[in-house]
Amino acid sequence: MPNIEMEEFDMKHYVTSRWIGAIALALAVAPVLAAQGGSRSIVTIASTVPSNGDVNPYGVAVVPASIGNLVQGHILVSNFNNSANLQGTGTTIVDIAPNGDTSLFAWIDASTLPGQCPGGVGLTTALVVLRAGWVIVGSLPTTDGMSDTAQAGCLIVLNNAGAVVETISNNLINGPWDMTALDMGATADLFVTNVLNGTVAANGSLVDEGTVVRVNLAFPSTVKPVVVSMTTIGSGFPERTDPAALVIGPTGVGLASDGTLYVADSLDNRIAAIAGAASATSTAGIGVTVFQGPHLNDPLGLTINPGNGDILTVNGNNGLLVETTAGGAQAATKLLDESGTPPGNGALFGLAPAPQGLYFVDDATNTLNLLTNIPR
């Protein structure tokens, strides 16, 4: 992914002497997005609203390989709300080509699920597409769009034709909110954030029970994946229900090339790191703080820039994309959405690297967009 130009800010008021070495190294070896030049461009690729009227796009995943109905380079988007705009009731995954052509990849009927999924279907940001052709999406369902009816949900596994083949449901999967994957071809590790551990019962009060769970999958046949093991590798993250956002807790996750899993700790305006996430046998608690503070304002979606290893997050409260180096230096910001009150509030969620820049969904406009550079 090429470097994306964003607006640089002065860090001198926010850092202490212990950050100086890390910042100098980051500026030397990991190009800051703001320093690359070129004109900024945000291009709307397509509407994410399918024929049934589902809205509130959350999950974004780029198809890694062509197989069945999956086309390499296409983007899948999951919808969280139904046509009445009730949260936790969306049932569709939309397929969008880079040129804007759209089709329906899946319309999931809760009554025909082949396994348990407490509460039914409400598709979240937890969306991955694996090279073997499996599509896995999280469900955090409600009956009326309100947090007091939210239930644990499950992970829903679809084949390359968009048909549901199984659900993954147990006491560790409780409100799967976001997800990333380590795709090894014949096996895969899923890293899932969960936000419903004690939240509904707390009725809006803060509870420190959010988790990150690793799900190890194997693909012994073309019928369906097999769950080999499940391990809680992160715990104690703050979470609560919210009248506007339904629930807030640990959200975006991104796996770096060195095996570190980065987590968007939304309520603490923090990026956490869990080292050795693929091999951990126990919880790392809330992980190690990479950065906390200025410009992080309810960080939700998170991904890793494959070009320089920087952490890219989008804020739920102010429409900002924020770039943070792995060393803990905040490098740049870019305003992606300024609608709403305050500007950008509630607009951003899922994002994924693109060959030309960065894909992101905008909940305010129900669109998939591309942030890119236009060469000078």
Protein backbone atom coordinates (compact mmCIF):
# COMPACT_ATOMS: atom_id res chain seq x y z
CA MET A 1 0.00 0.00 0.00
CA PRO A 2 1.49 3.38 -0.93
CA ASN A 3 1.92 6.02 1.69
CA ILE A 4 -1.23 8.10 2.12
CA GLU A 5 -0.82 11.82 2.53
CA MET A 6 -2.28 13.13 5.76
CA GLU A 7 -1.98 16.31 7.77
CA GLU A 8 1.01 16.39 10.13
CA PHE A 9 0.70 17.80 13.63
CA ASP A 10 3.21 19.09 16.14
CA MET A 11 4.11 16.33 18.62
CA LYS A 12 6.41 18.40 20.85
CA HIS A 13 3.64 19.24 23.32
CA TYR A 14 2.68 15.57 23.77
CA VAL A 15 5.88 13.60 24.08
CA THR A 16 8.44 13.20 26.84
CA SER A 17 12.14 12.54 26.53
CA ARG A 18 11.64 8.75 26.53
CA TRP A 19 9.88 9.03 23.13
CA ILE A 20 12.56 11.07 21.36
CA GLY A 21 14.66 8.10 20.19
CA ALA A 22 11.62 6.18 18.99
CA ILE A 23 10.30 9.17 17.08
CA ALA A 24 13.65 9.86 15.41
CA LEU A 25 13.92 6.24 14.31
CA ALA A 26 10.34 6.25 13.02
CA LEU A 27 10.94 9.35 10.95
CA ALA A 28 14.07 7.81 9.48
CA VAL A 29 12.81 4.37 8.51
CA ALA A 30 8.98 4.60 8.34
CA PRO A 31 7.88 7.46 6.09
CA VAL A 32 5.29 9.67 7.69
CA LEU A 33 2.18 9.85 5.58
CA ALA A 34 2.11 13.61 5.62
CA ALA A 35 5.58 13.94 4.18
CA GLN A 36 5.04 12.24 0.87
CA GLY A 37 3.52 15.03 -1.18
CA GLY A 38 0.84 14.67 -3.85
CA SER A 39 -2.78 15.75 -3.74
CA ARG A 40 -5.11 14.04 -1.32
CA SER A 41 -8.15 12.34 -2.76
CA ILE A 42 -11.14 10.53 -1.30
CA VAL A 43 -13.08 8.67 -3.95
CA THR A 44 -16.50 7.15 -3.35
CA ILE A 45 -16.46 3.70 -4.92
CA ALA A 46 -20.06 2.57 -4.38
CA SER A 47 -23.10 2.52 -2.14
CA THR A 48 -23.10 -0.31 0.38
CA VAL A 49 -26.92 -0.54 0.52
CA PRO A 50 -28.24 -3.79 -1.00
CA SER A 51 -31.74 -4.43 -2.35
CA ASN A 52 -33.18 -5.24 1.09
CA GLY A 53 -32.19 -1.77 2.35
CA ASP A 54 -29.62 -2.77 4.99
CA VAL A 55 -27.53 0.19 6.15
CA ASN A 56 -24.67 1.09 8.51
CA PRO A 57 -21.70 -0.62 6.82
CA TYR A 58 -19.22 -1.95 9.37
CA GLY A 59 -16.84 -4.69 8.19
CA VAL A 60 -14.44 -4.35 5.24
CA ALA A 61 -12.38 -7.21 3.81
CA VAL A 62 -10.45 -7.49 0.55
CA VAL A 63 -10.71 -10.85 -1.24
CA PRO A 64 -7.18 -12.37 -1.40
CA ALA A 65 -7.76 -14.99 -4.11
CA SER A 66 -10.38 -15.87 -6.70
CA ILE A 67 -12.43 -18.95 -5.88
CA GLY A 68 -16.14 -19.60 -6.48
CA ASN A 69 -18.05 -16.32 -6.28
CA LEU A 70 -15.09 -14.59 -4.64
CA VAL A 71 -13.02 -12.44 -6.99
CA GLN A 72 -9.51 -11.38 -6.03
CA GLY A 73 -9.33 -7.67 -5.29
CA HIS A 74 -13.07 -7.26 -4.71
CA ILE A 75 -14.15 -5.83 -1.37
CA LEU A 76 -16.74 -7.40 0.92
CA VAL A 77 -18.73 -5.15 3.25
CA SER A 78 -21.00 -6.30 6.11
CA ASN A 79 -24.04 -4.27 7.19
CA PHE A 80 -24.97 -3.90 10.87
CA ASN A 81 -28.45 -2.32 10.57
CA ASN A 82 -31.58 -3.29 8.67
CA SER A 83 -33.64 -0.97 6.45
CA ALA A 84 -35.35 0.47 9.54
CA ASN A 85 -31.88 1.48 10.81
CA LEU A 86 -32.08 -0.78 13.86
CA GLN A 87 -28.63 -1.70 15.14
CA GLY A 88 -27.75 -5.37 15.36
CA THR A 89 -30.26 -6.46 12.72
CA GLY A 90 -28.28 -6.24 9.45
CA THR A 91 -28.05 -9.53 7.54
CA THR A 92 -26.18 -8.81 4.31
CA ILE A 93 -22.66 -8.89 2.90
CA VAL A 94 -22.16 -6.82 -0.25
CA ASP A 95 -19.52 -7.56 -2.92
CA ILE A 96 -17.99 -4.41 -4.45
CA ALA A 97 -15.52 -4.40 -7.33
CA PRO A 98 -12.82 -1.70 -7.38
CA ASN A 99 -14.64 -0.08 -10.33
CA GLY A 100 -17.82 0.26 -8.26
CA ASP A 101 -19.84 -2.67 -9.60
CA THR A 102 -21.83 -4.21 -6.76
CA SER A 103 -23.62 -7.47 -6.09
CA LEU A 104 -25.00 -9.30 -3.10
CA PHE A 105 -22.58 -11.92 -1.77
CA ALA A 106 -24.78 -13.17 1.06
CA TRP A 107 -28.14 -12.55 2.72
CA ILE A 108 -28.11 -14.53 5.97
CA ASP A 109 -31.37 -15.91 7.34
CA ALA A 110 -31.21 -16.48 11.10
CA SER A 111 -33.91 -19.16 10.90
CA THR A 112 -31.77 -21.38 8.66
CA LEU A 113 -28.42 -21.15 10.46
CA PRO A 114 -26.84 -24.61 10.77
CA GLY A 115 -25.72 -24.06 14.36
CA GLN A 116 -26.20 -21.96 17.47
CA CYS A 117 -26.03 -18.17 17.27
CA PRO A 118 -27.70 -16.73 20.39
CA GLY A 119 -29.99 -13.88 19.36
CA GLY A 120 -29.76 -14.41 15.61
CA VAL A 121 -28.03 -12.20 13.04
CA GLY A 122 -26.63 -8.68 13.26
CA LEU A 123 -23.42 -8.49 11.23
CA THR A 124 -20.53 -6.59 12.81
CA THR A 125 -17.13 -5.26 11.75
CA ALA A 126 -15.67 -8.73 12.37
CA LEU A 127 -15.20 -9.81 8.74
CA VAL A 128 -12.38 -11.77 7.12
CA VAL A 129 -11.92 -13.59 3.82
CA LEU A 130 -9.43 -16.46 3.72
CA ARG A 131 -7.45 -17.75 0.73
CA ALA A 132 -9.17 -21.13 1.00
CA GLY A 133 -12.45 -19.39 0.18
CA TRP A 134 -14.02 -19.18 3.61
CA VAL A 135 -15.73 -15.94 4.65
CA ILE A 136 -16.18 -15.44 8.39
CA VAL A 137 -18.32 -12.69 9.88
CA GLY A 138 -19.30 -11.78 13.43
CA SER A 139 -22.87 -11.43 14.64
CA LEU A 140 -23.94 -9.28 17.59
CA PRO A 141 -27.74 -9.34 17.29
CA THR A 142 -30.56 -7.35 18.86
CA THR A 143 -34.31 -7.69 18.48
CA ASP A 144 -35.10 -3.98 18.36
CA GLY A 145 -31.82 -2.11 17.84
CA MET A 146 -31.41 -1.44 21.57
CA SER A 147 -28.57 -2.61 23.78
CA ASP A 148 -30.82 -4.22 26.40
CA THR A 149 -31.81 -6.86 23.82
CA ALA A 150 -28.26 -7.55 22.59
CA GLN A 151 -27.17 -11.18 22.77
CA ALA A 152 -23.91 -13.08 22.45
CA GLY A 153 -24.23 -13.93 18.76
CA CYS A 154 -21.54 -16.02 17.09
CA LEU A 155 -19.09 -16.22 14.23
CA ILE A 156 -20.80 -17.23 10.98
CA VAL A 157 -18.79 -19.20 8.40
CA LEU A 158 -19.77 -18.98 4.72
CA ASN A 159 -18.34 -20.81 1.73
CA ASN A 160 -17.14 -19.17 -1.48
CA ALA A 161 -20.69 -19.21 -2.87
CA GLY A 162 -22.03 -17.15 0.04
CA ALA A 163 -23.81 -20.06 1.72
CA VAL A 164 -23.57 -20.46 5.51
CA VAL A 165 -21.89 -23.76 6.44
CA GLU A 166 -21.48 -23.44 10.21
CA THR A 167 -21.50 -21.16 13.23
CA ILE A 168 -18.82 -20.84 15.91
CA SER A 169 -20.46 -20.30 19.27
CA ASN A 170 -19.38 -20.87 22.86
CA ASN A 171 -18.81 -18.93 26.07
CA LEU A 172 -15.66 -17.24 24.69
CA ILE A 173 -17.50 -15.72 21.71
CA ASN A 174 -19.66 -13.05 23.30
CA GLY A 175 -20.48 -10.10 21.09
CA PRO A 176 -17.77 -10.49 18.40
CA TRP A 177 -17.07 -6.89 17.42
CA ASP A 178 -14.06 -6.98 15.12
CA MET A 179 -11.58 -9.51 13.81
CA THR A 180 -8.41 -10.08 11.82
CA ALA A 181 -6.74 -13.28 10.66
CA LEU A 182 -3.38 -14.96 10.21
CA ASP A 183 -4.04 -16.90 6.98
CA MET A 184 -1.67 -19.83 6.50
CA GLY A 185 -3.53 -21.51 3.65
CA ALA A 186 -4.47 -24.88 5.15
CA THR A 187 -5.03 -23.33 8.58
CA ALA A 188 -5.85 -19.91 9.97
CA ASP A 189 -5.87 -18.07 13.27
CA LEU A 190 -8.72 -15.64 13.92
CA PHE A 191 -8.27 -12.84 16.45
CA VAL A 192 -11.67 -11.67 17.70
CA THR A 193 -12.58 -8.81 20.04
CA ASN A 194 -15.65 -9.39 22.23
CA VAL A 195 -17.69 -6.66 23.89
CA LEU A 196 -20.68 -8.28 25.65
CA ASN A 197 -19.01 -9.83 28.69
CA GLY A 198 -21.15 -8.31 31.44
CA THR A 199 -22.05 -5.18 29.48
CA VAL A 200 -25.80 -5.69 29.06
CA ALA A 201 -26.24 -6.59 32.73
CA ALA A 202 -24.30 -3.45 33.72
CA ASN A 203 -26.91 -1.29 31.95
CA GLY A 204 -24.52 1.42 30.78
CA SER A 205 -22.00 1.21 33.60
CA LEU A 206 -18.38 0.54 32.73
CA VAL A 207 -17.12 -3.03 33.10
CA ASP A 208 -13.56 -4.23 32.50
CA GLU A 209 -14.40 -7.52 30.82
CA GLY A 210 -13.72 -7.03 27.10
CA THR A 211 -11.63 -9.80 25.55
CA VAL A 212 -9.49 -10.80 22.59
CA VAL A 213 -9.91 -14.46 21.64
CA ARG A 214 -7.77 -16.47 19.22
CA VAL A 215 -9.66 -19.11 17.25
CA ASN A 216 -7.42 -21.70 15.57
CA LEU A 217 -9.01 -23.18 12.45
CA ALA A 218 -8.05 -26.09 10.20
CA PHE A 219 -9.48 -26.95 6.78
CA PRO A 220 -9.37 -30.74 6.44
CA SER A 221 -12.05 -30.74 3.75
CA THR A 222 -14.07 -28.44 1.52
CA VAL A 223 -17.18 -29.01 3.64
CA LYS A 224 -16.41 -26.61 6.49
CA PRO A 225 -13.53 -25.46 8.70
CA VAL A 226 -12.83 -27.20 11.99
CA VAL A 227 -12.19 -25.31 15.23
CA VAL A 228 -8.99 -26.76 16.70
CA SER A 229 -8.76 -24.57 19.78
CA MET A 230 -9.82 -21.26 21.30
CA THR A 231 -7.68 -19.16 23.66
CA THR A 232 -8.29 -15.87 25.42
CA ILE A 233 -5.14 -13.83 24.76
CA GLY A 234 -6.41 -10.44 25.95
CA SER A 235 -8.82 -9.53 28.76
CA GLY A 236 -9.91 -6.74 31.08
CA PHE A 237 -10.62 -4.15 28.37
CA PRO A 238 -13.22 -1.54 29.34
CA GLU A 239 -16.63 -1.83 27.71
CA ARG A 240 -20.16 -0.52 28.16
CA THR A 241 -23.46 -0.22 26.36
CA ASP A 242 -24.21 3.08 24.68
CA PRO A 243 -27.52 4.61 23.54
CA ALA A 244 -26.03 5.82 20.26
CA ALA A 245 -23.34 3.25 19.42
CA LEU A 246 -25.14 0.23 21.03
CA VAL A 247 -21.92 -0.90 22.69
CA ILE A 248 -18.35 0.41 23.03
CA GLY A 249 -15.35 -1.73 23.85
CA PRO A 250 -12.21 -3.21 22.29
CA THR A 251 -12.73 -3.02 18.55
CA GLY A 252 -10.23 -3.07 15.68
CA VAL A 253 -7.35 -5.54 15.57
CA GLY A 254 -4.37 -5.73 13.24
CA LEU A 255 -1.56 -8.29 13.10
CA ALA A 256 1.93 -6.96 12.35
CA SER A 257 4.61 -8.93 10.51
CA ASP A 258 6.51 -9.54 13.77
CA GLY A 259 3.49 -11.31 15.29
CA THR A 260 2.31 -8.41 17.45
CA LEU A 261 -1.45 -7.93 17.58
CA TYR A 262 -2.55 -4.32 17.93
CA VAL A 263 -5.92 -3.60 19.53
CA ALA A 264 -8.03 -0.44 19.43
CA ASP A 265 -9.00 0.10 23.07
CA SER A 266 -11.89 2.41 22.25
CA LEU A 267 -13.00 3.65 25.66
CA ASP A 268 -9.48 4.40 26.88
CA ASN A 269 -8.49 6.14 23.60
CA ARG A 270 -5.56 3.79 23.39
CA ILE A 271 -3.70 1.40 21.10
CA ALA A 272 -2.60 -1.77 22.87
CA ALA A 273 -0.08 -4.40 21.79
CA ILE A 274 -0.16 -8.14 22.47
CA ALA A 275 3.17 -9.73 21.54
CA GLY A 276 3.34 -13.25 20.11
CA ALA A 277 -0.41 -13.36 19.60
CA ALA A 278 -0.35 -16.50 17.44
CA SER A 279 1.48 -18.56 20.07
CA ALA A 280 0.19 -17.10 23.35
CA THR A 281 -1.22 -19.70 25.73
CA SER A 282 -2.74 -17.30 28.24
CA THR A 283 -4.09 -13.79 28.46
CA ALA A 284 -1.85 -10.74 28.25
CA GLY A 285 -4.49 -8.70 30.04
CA ILE A 286 -4.99 -5.32 28.37
CA GLY A 287 -1.63 -5.57 26.64
CA VAL A 288 1.13 -2.98 26.49
CA THR A 289 0.18 0.61 25.68
CA VAL A 290 1.64 1.74 22.35
CA PHE A 291 -0.01 5.15 22.46
CA GLN A 292 -2.78 6.81 24.44
CA GLY A 293 -4.06 10.33 24.22
CA PRO A 294 -4.08 13.16 21.67
CA HIS A 295 -5.99 12.58 18.42
CA LEU A 296 -7.23 9.13 19.47
CA ASN A 297 -10.94 9.68 20.14
CA ASP A 298 -12.88 6.43 20.35
CA PRO A 299 -10.59 4.51 17.97
CA LEU A 300 -12.62 1.82 16.22
CA GLY A 301 -11.36 0.32 12.97
CA LEU A 302 -7.68 -0.62 12.89
CA THR A 303 -5.36 -2.01 10.23
CA ILE A 304 -1.64 -2.23 9.55
CA ASN A 305 -0.03 -0.33 6.69
CA PRO A 306 1.86 -3.13 4.91
CA GLY A 307 4.23 -0.57 3.41
CA ASN A 308 5.79 0.66 6.64
CA GLY A 309 4.17 -1.27 9.49
CA ASP A 310 2.40 1.77 10.92
CA ILE A 311 -0.91 1.39 12.73
CA LEU A 312 -3.89 3.08 11.07
CA THR A 313 -7.00 3.74 13.15
CA VAL A 314 -10.24 5.61 12.55
CA ASN A 315 -12.05 7.48 15.30
CA GLY A 316 -15.72 7.03 16.06
CA ASN A 317 -16.10 10.50 17.58
CA ASN A 318 -14.48 12.90 15.12
CA GLY A 319 -13.96 11.41 11.64
CA LEU A 320 -10.16 11.25 11.87
CA LEU A 321 -7.80 8.67 10.44
CA VAL A 322 -4.75 8.52 12.72
CA GLU A 323 -1.33 7.06 11.88
CA THR A 324 0.77 5.75 14.77
CA THR A 325 4.18 4.11 14.46
CA ALA A 326 4.87 0.79 16.15
CA GLY A 327 7.32 2.69 18.37
CA GLY A 328 4.49 4.80 19.79
CA ALA A 329 4.90 8.04 17.84
CA GLN A 330 1.74 9.59 16.46
CA ALA A 331 2.75 10.60 12.98
CA ALA A 332 -0.21 12.19 11.22
CA THR A 333 -3.95 12.61 10.95
CA LYS A 334 -6.41 12.99 8.10
CA LEU A 335 -10.06 14.03 8.29
CA LEU A 336 -12.13 11.45 6.38
CA ASP A 337 -15.63 12.63 7.28
CA GLU A 338 -16.93 15.94 8.62
CA SER A 339 -20.67 15.27 8.61
CA GLY A 340 -22.76 15.13 11.77
CA THR A 341 -22.51 16.86 15.12
CA PRO A 342 -19.73 17.09 16.09
CA PRO A 343 -18.15 16.69 12.63
CA GLY A 344 -17.39 13.07 11.80
CA ASN A 345 -19.23 11.67 14.80
CA GLY A 346 -20.37 8.08 14.25
CA ALA A 347 -19.25 7.89 10.62
CA LEU A 348 -16.17 5.65 10.51
CA PHE A 349 -15.69 1.99 11.32
CA GLY A 350 -14.11 -0.70 9.11
CA LEU A 351 -11.03 -0.15 6.93
CA ALA A 352 -8.58 -2.26 4.92
CA PRO A 353 -5.41 -1.67 2.88
CA ALA A 354 -5.90 -1.25 -0.87
CA PRO A 355 -3.34 -1.46 -3.69
CA GLN A 356 -4.02 2.23 -4.33
CA GLY A 357 -4.36 3.41 -0.73
CA LEU A 358 -6.93 2.63 1.94
CA TYR A 359 -10.53 1.41 1.74
CA PHE A 360 -12.94 2.64 4.41
CA VAL A 361 -16.68 2.61 4.94
CA ASP A 362 -18.62 5.73 5.86
CA ASP A 363 -21.70 5.00 7.97
CA ALA A 364 -23.03 8.52 7.48
CA THR A 365 -23.30 8.08 3.71
CA ASN A 366 -23.52 4.26 3.51
CA THR A 367 -20.63 4.10 1.08
CA LEU A 368 -17.31 2.37 0.48
CA ASN A 369 -14.55 4.87 -0.17
CA LEU A 370 -10.90 4.93 -1.23
CA LEU A 371 -8.30 7.28 0.24
CA THR A 372 -5.46 7.64 -2.20
CA ASN A 373 -2.78 9.96 -3.56
CA ILE A 374 -2.86 11.61 -6.97
CA PRO A 375 0.81 11.82 -8.10
CA ARG A 376 2.17 15.32 -8.73
